[in-house]
Amino acid sequence: MVSVHLENGQVGLTDAPVPPRPPGVALIRLLAGGICNTDIELRRGYYGFCGCPGHEFVGEVVEADNPALIGKRVVGEINLACGTCKWCQRGLGRHCPARTVLGIVRHSGAFAEFLTLPEVNLHVLPDAVSTEAGVFVEPLAAACEILDQVQIPTGSAVALLGDGKLGLLVAQVLQASGLQVHQFGRHPDKLSIAARRGVTTEIARESMPEAEYEWVVDASGSASGLQTAVRMTQPRGTVILKSTVHGTVPVDTAPIIVDEITLVGSRCGRFEPALALLAAGKIDVASMIAGSYPLTRAVEAFEHAERKGTLKILLTAD
């Protein structure tokens, strides 16, 4: 089968065997996958990655122990937990120290003709959600995770830094939940996607508001985003961190301590709220698709995805 391969900063294609299917695991044929910032960071050396990337996908189940899954379009939670450790017993399988992660940590990814995932990780995609839109379920779930972690009162003002793929999803999720989102970005065309959903948008400038917001989300994707977010936060306010940046990020802890600011790291989320939002048409993801390439043109697809200002690039089955 055709499989994308990352190694030493290079993107290539390889002829790989179809992965075996152990009991309880489904064999899935890729329909569409999305290149995200994490995939780009993997190419740059994040996690010392070597292998097949890809964790945002929609696929068709071709083999499974559960016959009800066969032929269904599915999306999949990317963390494969052991199920027995103390973290798993607390319902924190996403933090299982023995976990593997689809396309990121010790589990071959979705950018191949076929992939495998445990059946318990799979969610059937509703008929109301297109295959292309379904690719966004995993990052949309990450945006929804903020609302599971932090109890923000309805109607509260929330500042959001960043107008990239995740930033636009976070803006729409928070706005749809009844918050007043003020999104700062550098690209008017991107900000317009959120603005059409009622988000207040503004071009980020060198001088940003100081100590103005009780809630600030950093989805800037930049090493300086945390410092900017802290300056914008009121004393005893909260900064939610959504950016994954390769390398060490310098942090001045003095204002965080003096102003008693809470930092919340935020990563993966539950798929159920993301699927519900997409099925209800409350999130515009179609406007975020900047291009689509067959799997055999993955090298071009990665080059496009890495161009400055590009939103979502899809890889599709030939």
Protein backbone atom coordinates (compact mmCIF):
# COMPACT_ATOMS: atom_id res chain seq x y z
CA MET A 1 0.00 0.00 0.00
CA VAL A 2 1.05 3.64 -0.48
CA SER A 3 2.19 5.28 2.76
CA VAL A 4 3.63 8.70 3.56
CA HIS A 5 7.00 8.57 5.33
CA LEU A 6 8.73 11.31 7.33
CA GLU A 7 12.42 11.00 8.15
CA ASN A 8 15.19 13.53 8.75
CA GLY A 9 12.97 16.42 7.72
CA GLN A 10 12.01 14.84 4.40
CA VAL A 11 8.57 13.81 3.16
CA GLY A 12 8.40 10.77 0.91
CA LEU A 13 6.25 7.86 -0.20
CA THR A 14 6.88 4.21 0.53
CA ASP A 15 5.30 0.89 -0.40
CA ALA A 16 4.33 -0.51 2.99
CA PRO A 17 2.50 -3.73 3.89
CA VAL A 18 -1.14 -3.49 4.96
CA PRO A 19 -1.00 -3.43 8.79
CA PRO A 20 -2.12 -6.58 10.63
CA ARG A 21 -5.40 -6.47 12.56
CA PRO A 22 -5.21 -7.82 16.11
CA PRO A 23 -8.43 -8.71 17.99
CA GLY A 24 -10.45 -5.66 18.95
CA VAL A 25 -8.75 -3.55 16.31
CA ALA A 26 -10.34 -2.30 13.08
CA LEU A 27 -8.69 -2.13 9.68
CA ILE A 28 -9.68 1.17 8.07
CA ARG A 29 -9.34 2.41 4.51
CA LEU A 30 -8.42 6.06 4.37
CA LEU A 31 -10.96 8.36 2.73
CA ALA A 32 -9.46 11.72 3.69
CA GLY A 33 -6.89 13.06 6.13
CA GLY A 34 -5.82 16.53 7.21
CA ILE A 35 -2.30 17.92 7.57
CA CYS A 36 -2.10 19.85 10.82
CA ASN A 37 0.57 21.93 12.53
CA THR A 38 1.66 18.93 14.58
CA ASP A 39 2.46 17.02 11.36
CA ILE A 40 4.55 19.97 10.19
CA GLU A 41 6.35 20.11 13.55
CA LEU A 42 7.03 16.36 13.29
CA ARG A 43 8.76 17.02 10.01
CA ARG A 44 10.87 19.65 11.78
CA GLY A 45 11.97 17.20 14.46
CA TYR A 46 9.23 17.21 17.09
CA TYR A 47 9.37 13.95 19.13
CA GLY A 48 12.29 12.83 16.95
CA PHE A 49 9.61 11.38 14.69
CA CYS A 50 10.31 8.87 11.93
CA GLY A 51 7.53 6.99 10.15
CA CYS A 52 4.00 7.53 8.81
CA PRO A 53 2.29 10.63 10.26
CA GLY A 54 -1.35 11.68 10.25
CA HIS A 55 -3.98 11.69 12.99
CA GLU A 56 -6.88 13.70 11.52
CA PHE A 57 -8.82 11.37 9.26
CA VAL A 58 -12.06 9.88 8.03
CA GLY A 59 -11.95 6.28 6.92
CA GLU A 60 -14.15 3.35 5.98
CA VAL A 61 -13.96 0.26 8.18
CA VAL A 62 -13.15 -2.80 6.06
CA GLU A 63 -12.47 -5.34 8.82
CA ALA A 64 -13.55 -5.38 12.48
CA ASP A 65 -14.71 -7.74 15.20
CA ASN A 66 -17.89 -5.67 15.51
CA PRO A 67 -19.84 -6.31 12.29
CA ALA A 68 -21.88 -3.13 12.81
CA LEU A 69 -18.75 -1.08 12.05
CA ILE A 70 -17.94 -2.65 8.70
CA GLY A 71 -18.62 -0.25 5.83
CA LYS A 72 -19.14 2.72 8.14
CA ARG A 73 -17.34 6.04 7.82
CA VAL A 74 -15.47 6.61 11.05
CA VAL A 75 -13.21 9.05 12.82
CA GLY A 76 -10.90 7.95 15.60
CA GLU A 77 -9.54 9.12 18.92
CA ILE A 78 -5.78 9.16 18.56
CA ASN A 79 -4.58 8.02 22.00
CA LEU A 80 -4.25 4.26 22.50
CA ALA A 81 -4.17 3.74 26.26
CA CYS A 82 -3.24 0.60 28.20
CA GLY A 83 -6.57 0.62 30.06
CA THR A 84 -5.12 -0.72 33.30
CA CYS A 85 -2.79 1.88 34.83
CA LYS A 86 -3.83 4.33 37.54
CA TRP A 87 -4.35 7.11 34.98
CA CYS A 88 -6.61 4.93 32.83
CA GLN A 89 -8.55 3.85 35.92
CA ARG A 90 -9.22 7.53 36.62
CA GLY A 91 -10.54 8.04 33.09
CA LEU A 92 -7.34 9.79 31.99
CA GLY A 93 -6.37 7.43 29.20
CA ARG A 94 -5.22 10.39 27.13
CA HIS A 95 -2.43 10.75 29.70
CA CYS A 96 -1.58 7.06 30.05
CA PRO A 97 2.23 6.87 30.32
CA ALA A 98 2.24 3.69 28.21
CA ARG A 99 -0.02 5.07 25.51
CA THR A 100 0.81 5.19 21.85
CA VAL A 101 -0.55 8.00 19.67
CA LEU A 102 -1.75 7.63 16.10
CA GLY A 103 0.81 9.09 13.73
CA ILE A 104 2.80 10.69 16.55
CA VAL A 105 4.10 8.20 19.14
CA ARG A 106 4.82 4.55 18.26
CA HIS A 107 1.72 3.96 16.15
CA SER A 108 1.76 4.30 12.37
CA GLY A 109 -0.43 7.16 11.22
CA ALA A 110 -3.38 7.79 8.95
CA PHE A 111 -1.53 9.03 5.86
CA ALA A 112 -1.60 5.60 4.23
CA GLU A 113 -4.10 3.61 2.22
CA PHE A 114 -4.92 1.59 5.34
CA LEU A 115 -4.55 2.18 9.08
CA THR A 116 -5.57 0.43 12.27
CA LEU A 117 -7.17 1.66 15.48
CA PRO A 118 -8.89 -0.08 18.39
CA GLU A 119 -12.61 -0.30 17.81
CA VAL A 120 -13.23 1.48 21.13
CA ASN A 121 -11.47 4.53 19.67
CA LEU A 122 -13.84 4.82 16.73
CA HIS A 123 -16.88 7.06 16.27
CA VAL A 124 -19.25 6.63 13.34
CA LEU A 125 -19.52 9.83 11.33
CA PRO A 126 -23.13 11.08 11.12
CA ASP A 127 -24.68 11.13 7.64
CA ALA A 128 -25.16 14.89 8.00
CA VAL A 129 -21.38 15.42 8.14
CA SER A 130 -19.40 15.24 4.89
CA THR A 131 -16.16 13.29 4.69
CA GLU A 132 -14.22 16.52 4.23
CA ALA A 133 -15.84 18.11 7.29
CA GLY A 134 -15.25 14.95 9.30
CA VAL A 135 -11.50 15.41 8.97
CA PHE A 136 -11.89 18.33 11.40
CA VAL A 137 -13.41 16.26 14.23
CA GLU A 138 -10.11 15.62 16.03
CA PRO A 139 -8.92 19.27 16.10
CA LEU A 140 -12.47 20.45 16.79
CA ALA A 141 -12.56 18.10 19.79
CA ALA A 142 -9.34 19.74 20.98
CA ALA A 143 -11.08 23.12 20.76
CA CYS A 144 -14.07 21.77 22.71
CA GLU A 145 -11.72 20.50 25.43
CA ILE A 146 -11.38 24.06 26.75
CA LEU A 147 -15.01 23.96 27.89
CA ASP A 148 -14.42 20.66 29.70
CA GLN A 149 -11.39 22.04 31.53
CA VAL A 150 -12.43 25.58 32.42
CA GLN A 151 -15.84 26.77 33.61
CA ILE A 152 -16.28 30.11 31.84
CA PRO A 153 -19.54 31.90 32.72
CA THR A 154 -21.93 32.42 29.81
CA GLY A 155 -21.51 35.85 28.24
CA SER A 156 -17.91 36.27 29.42
CA ALA A 157 -15.41 38.04 27.20
CA VAL A 158 -12.60 35.77 26.02
CA ALA A 159 -9.51 36.95 24.14
CA LEU A 160 -8.07 34.54 21.59
CA LEU A 161 -4.62 34.88 20.04
CA GLY A 162 -4.16 33.30 16.63
CA ASP A 163 -6.12 32.88 13.41
CA GLY A 164 -4.68 29.59 12.23
CA LYS A 165 -6.61 26.35 11.89
CA LEU A 166 -6.97 25.65 15.60
CA GLY A 167 -7.55 29.30 16.46
CA LEU A 168 -10.49 29.50 14.06
CA LEU A 169 -12.02 26.34 15.50
CA VAL A 170 -11.58 27.57 19.08
CA ALA A 171 -13.16 30.91 18.20
CA GLN A 172 -16.23 29.27 16.70
CA VAL A 173 -16.64 26.73 19.51
CA LEU A 174 -16.44 29.35 22.27
CA GLN A 175 -18.74 31.74 20.42
CA ALA A 176 -21.28 28.96 19.82
CA SER A 177 -21.23 28.17 23.55
CA GLY A 178 -22.44 31.66 24.46
CA LEU A 179 -19.12 33.43 25.10
CA GLN A 180 -18.07 36.78 23.63
CA VAL A 181 -14.90 35.97 21.72
CA HIS A 182 -12.42 38.69 20.72
CA GLN A 183 -9.98 37.11 18.27
CA PHE A 184 -6.65 38.71 17.38
CA GLY A 185 -4.86 37.58 14.24
CA ARG A 186 -2.73 38.78 11.35
CA HIS A 187 -4.78 37.68 8.33
CA PRO A 188 -8.04 39.49 7.46
CA ASP A 189 -9.17 36.65 5.18
CA LYS A 190 -8.83 34.10 7.96
CA LEU A 191 -10.43 36.31 10.58
CA SER A 192 -13.41 36.78 8.29
CA ILE A 193 -14.26 33.07 8.72
CA ALA A 194 -14.75 33.59 12.45
CA ALA A 195 -16.38 36.99 11.97
CA ARG A 196 -19.14 35.40 9.91
CA ARG A 197 -19.97 33.32 13.00
CA GLY A 198 -20.32 36.39 15.22
CA VAL A 199 -16.77 36.57 16.58
CA THR A 200 -15.30 40.04 17.12
CA THR A 201 -12.02 40.11 15.22
CA GLU A 202 -9.08 42.46 15.20
CA ILE A 203 -5.70 42.61 13.51
CA ALA A 204 -3.01 41.95 16.11
CA ARG A 205 -0.65 44.83 16.60
CA GLU A 206 2.61 45.41 18.41
CA SER A 207 0.81 47.05 21.33
CA MET A 208 -1.89 44.70 22.60
CA PRO A 209 -4.43 45.29 25.42
CA GLU A 210 -2.95 44.85 28.88
CA ALA A 211 -4.68 43.24 31.88
CA GLU A 212 -8.03 43.49 30.08
CA TYR A 213 -9.37 39.93 29.96
CA GLU A 214 -10.15 37.39 32.65
CA TRP A 215 -9.87 34.60 30.07
CA VAL A 216 -7.23 34.41 27.32
CA VAL A 217 -6.57 31.55 24.91
CA ASP A 218 -3.20 31.29 23.19
CA ALA A 219 -3.54 29.51 19.85
CA SER A 220 -0.95 31.70 18.15
CA GLY A 221 1.44 28.84 17.44
CA SER A 222 4.34 31.14 18.29
CA ALA A 223 6.93 31.05 21.05
CA SER A 224 5.98 34.61 22.05
CA GLY A 225 2.26 33.85 22.34
CA LEU A 226 2.35 32.92 26.03
CA GLN A 227 4.11 36.13 27.00
CA THR A 228 1.55 38.19 25.08
CA ALA A 229 -1.35 36.24 26.59
CA VAL A 230 -0.07 36.78 30.13
CA ARG A 231 0.18 40.55 29.57
CA MET A 232 -3.43 40.62 28.36
CA THR A 233 -4.75 38.76 31.40
CA GLN A 234 -6.24 40.36 34.50
CA PRO A 235 -4.87 39.50 37.95
CA ARG A 236 -6.17 36.05 38.95
CA GLY A 237 -7.27 35.46 35.39
CA THR A 238 -6.68 32.32 33.34
CA VAL A 239 -4.57 31.62 30.25
CA ILE A 240 -5.42 28.48 28.26
CA LEU A 241 -2.50 27.18 26.20
CA LYS A 242 -3.39 25.49 22.90
CA SER A 243 -0.14 26.01 20.95
CA THR A 244 2.33 23.17 20.44
CA VAL A 245 5.71 24.71 19.58
CA HIS A 246 8.80 22.65 18.83
CA GLY A 247 11.66 23.65 21.11
CA THR A 248 11.95 25.47 24.42
CA VAL A 249 9.71 28.48 25.00
CA PRO A 250 11.17 31.17 27.29
CA VAL A 251 8.79 32.16 30.08
CA ASP A 252 9.03 35.13 32.45
CA THR A 253 7.31 33.72 35.51
CA ALA A 254 7.35 36.96 37.52
CA PRO A 255 4.08 38.46 36.15
CA ILE A 256 2.39 35.06 36.36
CA ILE A 257 3.27 34.80 40.04
CA VAL A 258 2.73 38.44 40.96
CA ASP A 259 -0.68 38.60 39.24
CA GLU A 260 -1.59 35.06 40.37
CA ILE A 261 -2.45 33.98 36.83
CA THR A 262 -3.58 30.41 36.23
CA LEU A 263 -2.05 28.56 33.26
CA VAL A 264 -4.06 25.68 31.79
CA GLY A 265 -2.47 23.32 29.28
CA SER A 266 -5.07 22.02 26.85
CA ARG A 267 -4.66 19.22 24.32
CA CYS A 268 -7.01 16.52 22.99
CA GLY A 269 -10.73 16.44 23.70
CA ARG A 270 -13.84 14.28 23.57
CA PHE A 271 -15.24 13.63 20.10
CA GLU A 272 -18.93 13.70 21.07
CA PRO A 273 -19.33 17.51 21.34
CA ALA A 274 -17.33 18.03 18.15
CA LEU A 275 -19.51 15.62 16.19
CA ALA A 276 -22.65 17.29 17.56
CA LEU A 277 -21.47 20.76 16.53
CA LEU A 278 -20.63 19.62 13.00
CA ALA A 279 -23.90 17.72 12.58
CA ALA A 280 -25.82 20.82 13.71
CA GLY A 281 -23.94 23.02 11.21
CA LYS A 282 -22.66 25.34 13.93
CA ILE A 283 -19.02 25.31 12.81
CA ASP A 284 -17.79 26.47 9.40
CA VAL A 285 -14.96 24.16 8.38
CA ALA A 286 -15.52 24.22 4.61
CA SER A 287 -14.05 27.74 4.41
CA MET A 288 -10.88 26.44 6.07
CA ILE A 289 -9.99 23.93 3.34
CA ALA A 290 -7.22 25.44 1.23
CA GLY A 291 -6.52 22.47 -1.01
CA SER A 292 -6.86 18.74 -1.55
CA TYR A 293 -4.30 16.28 -2.91
CA PRO A 294 -4.33 12.53 -3.54
CA LEU A 295 -2.13 10.52 -1.20
CA THR A 296 0.37 9.95 -4.02
CA ARG A 297 1.03 13.71 -4.10
CA ALA A 298 1.76 14.00 -0.39
CA VAL A 299 5.08 15.74 -0.99
CA GLU A 300 3.29 18.58 -2.80
CA ALA A 301 0.58 18.59 -0.15
CA PHE A 302 3.10 19.11 2.67
CA GLU A 303 4.82 21.86 0.69
CA HIS A 304 1.47 23.62 0.28
CA ALA A 305 0.58 23.13 3.96
CA GLU A 306 3.86 24.74 5.01
CA ARG A 307 3.32 27.90 2.98
CA LYS A 308 2.74 30.88 5.19
CA GLY A 309 -0.94 31.61 5.75
CA THR A 310 -2.23 28.22 4.54
CA LEU A 311 -5.16 26.69 6.38
CA LYS A 312 -6.20 23.03 6.04
CA ILE A 313 -4.72 20.79 3.33
CA LEU A 314 -6.41 17.45 2.79
CA LEU A 315 -4.96 14.16 1.58
CA THR A 316 -7.49 11.88 -0.11
CA ALA A 317 -7.64 8.32 -1.35
CA ASP A 318 -6.78 8.04 -5.04
